[in-house]
Structures are given as structure tokens and as C-alpha cells.
N, C-alpha and C. Protein backbone atom coordinates (compact mmCIF):
# COMPACT_ATOMS: atom_id res chain seq x y z
N UNK A 1 0.84 -1.16 0.00
CA UNK A 1 0.00 0.00 0.00
C UNK A 1 0.89 1.24 0.00
N UNK A 2 0.66 2.19 -0.89
CA UNK A 2 1.47 3.41 -0.90
C UNK A 2 1.19 4.28 0.32
N UNK A 3 2.26 4.89 0.83
CA UNK A 3 2.16 5.74 2.02
C UNK A 3 2.88 7.05 1.73
N UNK A 4 2.21 8.18 1.96
CA UNK A 4 2.90 9.47 1.80
C UNK A 4 3.61 9.85 3.10
N UNK A 5 4.76 10.48 2.98
CA UNK A 5 5.49 10.97 4.15
C UNK A 5 6.01 12.35 3.83
N UNK A 6 5.56 13.33 4.56
CA UNK A 6 5.98 14.71 4.33
C UNK A 6 6.69 15.24 5.56
N UNK A 7 7.75 15.98 5.33
CA UNK A 7 8.48 16.60 6.43
C UNK A 7 8.75 18.05 6.12
N UNK A 8 8.62 18.89 7.12
CA UNK A 8 8.89 20.32 6.93
C UNK A 8 10.36 20.58 6.72
N UNK A 9 10.64 21.51 5.83
CA UNK A 9 12.02 21.88 5.51
C UNK A 9 12.81 22.30 6.75
N UNK A 10 12.15 22.99 7.67
CA UNK A 10 12.83 23.51 8.86
C UNK A 10 12.54 22.67 10.10
N UNK A 11 12.10 21.43 9.88
CA UNK A 11 11.79 20.58 11.02
C UNK A 11 12.24 19.15 10.75
N UNK A 12 11.33 18.27 10.35
CA UNK A 12 11.65 16.86 10.19
C UNK A 12 12.41 16.53 8.92
N UNK A 13 12.22 17.30 7.87
CA UNK A 13 12.92 17.02 6.62
C UNK A 13 12.67 15.61 6.13
N UNK A 14 13.72 14.83 5.94
CA UNK A 14 13.56 13.46 5.44
C UNK A 14 13.35 12.44 6.56
N UNK A 15 13.25 12.87 7.80
CA UNK A 15 13.04 11.94 8.91
C UNK A 15 11.73 11.16 8.76
N UNK A 16 10.71 11.81 8.21
CA UNK A 16 9.44 11.10 7.98
C UNK A 16 9.65 9.94 7.02
N UNK A 17 10.39 10.17 5.96
CA UNK A 17 10.69 9.11 4.99
C UNK A 17 11.47 7.99 5.65
N UNK A 18 12.51 8.33 6.36
CA UNK A 18 13.36 7.30 6.96
C UNK A 18 12.60 6.46 7.98
N UNK A 19 11.74 7.05 8.77
CA UNK A 19 10.99 6.27 9.74
C UNK A 19 9.93 5.39 9.08
N UNK A 20 9.31 5.88 8.02
CA UNK A 20 8.30 5.08 7.31
C UNK A 20 8.94 3.92 6.57
N UNK A 21 10.17 4.09 6.10
CA UNK A 21 10.87 3.00 5.40
C UNK A 21 11.06 1.78 6.29
N UNK A 22 11.05 1.98 7.60
CA UNK A 22 11.18 0.86 8.53
C UNK A 22 9.91 0.02 8.58
N UNK A 23 8.80 0.60 8.13
CA UNK A 23 7.50 -0.07 8.25
C UNK A 23 6.89 -0.50 6.93
N UNK A 24 7.12 0.26 5.87
CA UNK A 24 6.47 -0.01 4.59
C UNK A 24 7.50 0.02 3.46
N UNK A 25 7.14 -0.59 2.33
CA UNK A 25 8.06 -0.63 1.20
C UNK A 25 7.71 0.37 0.10
N UNK A 26 6.48 0.86 0.09
CA UNK A 26 6.06 1.78 -0.96
C UNK A 26 5.76 3.15 -0.35
N UNK A 27 6.81 3.87 -0.02
CA UNK A 27 6.65 5.18 0.61
C UNK A 27 7.20 6.27 -0.30
N UNK A 28 6.46 7.35 -0.43
CA UNK A 28 6.92 8.51 -1.18
C UNK A 28 7.12 9.65 -0.21
N UNK A 29 8.13 10.44 -0.46
CA UNK A 29 8.48 11.50 0.48
C UNK A 29 8.50 12.84 -0.22
N UNK A 30 8.22 13.83 0.55
CA UNK A 30 8.35 15.19 0.07
C UNK A 30 8.82 16.08 1.19
N UNK A 31 9.58 17.06 0.81
CA UNK A 31 10.01 18.09 1.75
C UNK A 31 9.10 19.28 1.50
N UNK A 32 8.50 19.78 2.55
CA UNK A 32 7.59 20.92 2.43
C UNK A 32 8.41 22.19 2.64
N UNK A 33 8.63 22.95 1.55
CA UNK A 33 9.44 24.16 1.66
C UNK A 33 8.76 25.21 2.54
N UNK A 34 9.59 25.98 3.22
CA UNK A 34 9.11 27.09 4.06
C UNK A 34 8.15 26.63 5.15
N UNK A 35 8.39 25.43 5.68
CA UNK A 35 7.52 24.89 6.72
C UNK A 35 8.35 24.26 7.82
N UNK A 36 7.80 24.29 9.00
CA UNK A 36 8.41 23.60 10.13
C UNK A 36 7.59 22.39 10.48
N UNK A 37 7.23 22.27 11.74
CA UNK A 37 6.50 21.10 12.24
C UNK A 37 5.02 21.11 11.87
N UNK A 38 4.40 22.26 11.82
CA UNK A 38 2.96 22.38 11.62
C UNK A 38 2.63 22.60 10.14
N UNK A 39 2.81 21.58 9.32
CA UNK A 39 2.65 21.70 7.87
C UNK A 39 1.24 22.16 7.48
N UNK A 40 0.23 21.57 8.07
CA UNK A 40 -1.16 21.90 7.69
C UNK A 40 -1.48 23.37 7.98
N UNK A 41 -0.92 23.93 9.03
CA UNK A 41 -1.17 25.32 9.36
C UNK A 41 -0.25 26.27 8.59
N UNK A 42 0.98 25.85 8.37
CA UNK A 42 1.97 26.73 7.74
C UNK A 42 1.89 26.72 6.22
N UNK A 43 1.58 25.59 5.63
CA UNK A 43 1.54 25.47 4.16
C UNK A 43 0.33 24.66 3.69
N UNK A 44 -0.89 25.10 4.01
CA UNK A 44 -2.07 24.33 3.60
C UNK A 44 -2.18 24.18 2.09
N UNK A 45 -1.75 25.19 1.35
CA UNK A 45 -1.80 25.12 -0.11
C UNK A 45 -0.94 23.96 -0.63
N UNK A 46 0.26 23.85 -0.13
CA UNK A 46 1.19 22.80 -0.55
C UNK A 46 0.66 21.43 -0.14
N UNK A 47 0.15 21.32 1.08
CA UNK A 47 -0.37 20.05 1.57
C UNK A 47 -1.55 19.57 0.73
N UNK A 48 -2.46 20.46 0.41
CA UNK A 48 -3.62 20.10 -0.42
C UNK A 48 -3.16 19.61 -1.79
N UNK A 49 -2.22 20.29 -2.39
CA UNK A 49 -1.70 19.86 -3.71
C UNK A 49 -1.07 18.48 -3.63
N UNK A 50 -0.24 18.25 -2.62
CA UNK A 50 0.43 16.96 -2.48
C UNK A 50 -0.57 15.83 -2.21
N UNK A 51 -1.53 16.07 -1.36
CA UNK A 51 -2.53 15.03 -1.07
C UNK A 51 -3.41 14.75 -2.29
N UNK A 52 -3.75 15.79 -3.03
CA UNK A 52 -4.54 15.60 -4.25
C UNK A 52 -3.76 14.76 -5.25
N UNK A 53 -2.47 15.04 -5.42
CA UNK A 53 -1.66 14.24 -6.33
C UNK A 53 -1.59 12.79 -5.87
N UNK A 54 -1.43 12.59 -4.57
CA UNK A 54 -1.30 11.25 -4.03
C UNK A 54 -2.59 10.44 -4.21
N UNK A 55 -3.74 11.03 -3.90
CA UNK A 55 -4.99 10.28 -3.94
C UNK A 55 -5.61 10.22 -5.33
N UNK A 56 -5.36 11.19 -6.18
CA UNK A 56 -6.00 11.23 -7.50
C UNK A 56 -5.15 10.54 -8.55
N UNK A 57 -3.87 10.71 -8.49
CA UNK A 57 -3.00 10.15 -9.55
C UNK A 57 -2.63 8.73 -9.29
């Protein structure tokens, strides 16, 4: 099952990807530019685009 993993540029970065790789084999990662820990609050536009790509494509 595909799993998205997003990390804020100024916070987790690729840590989300690395931790998910321990659990699943089909993980995609993205770094959210200009964001820290609170991605949904800091970059809702970016999050919506990434989730739409993940679920629609």
C-alpha cells in the first residue's frame, strides 16, 4: 500500500521518509518548503496539492 510521508524543511525534513521506510516498502516523500513542524497550518496550499496528487494520480 502506498504511504505518503511529508516533512517540513525547517523541522523533520527526510526523517518522515526514513521512519516510514522501517515499516512499509512503498513510501513517497516530500520536503515541504518554508515549513516547520505544523505543515497543515503553515503550508495548507502545498499540503492540499500533495494530497490531491497522491490520492487522485
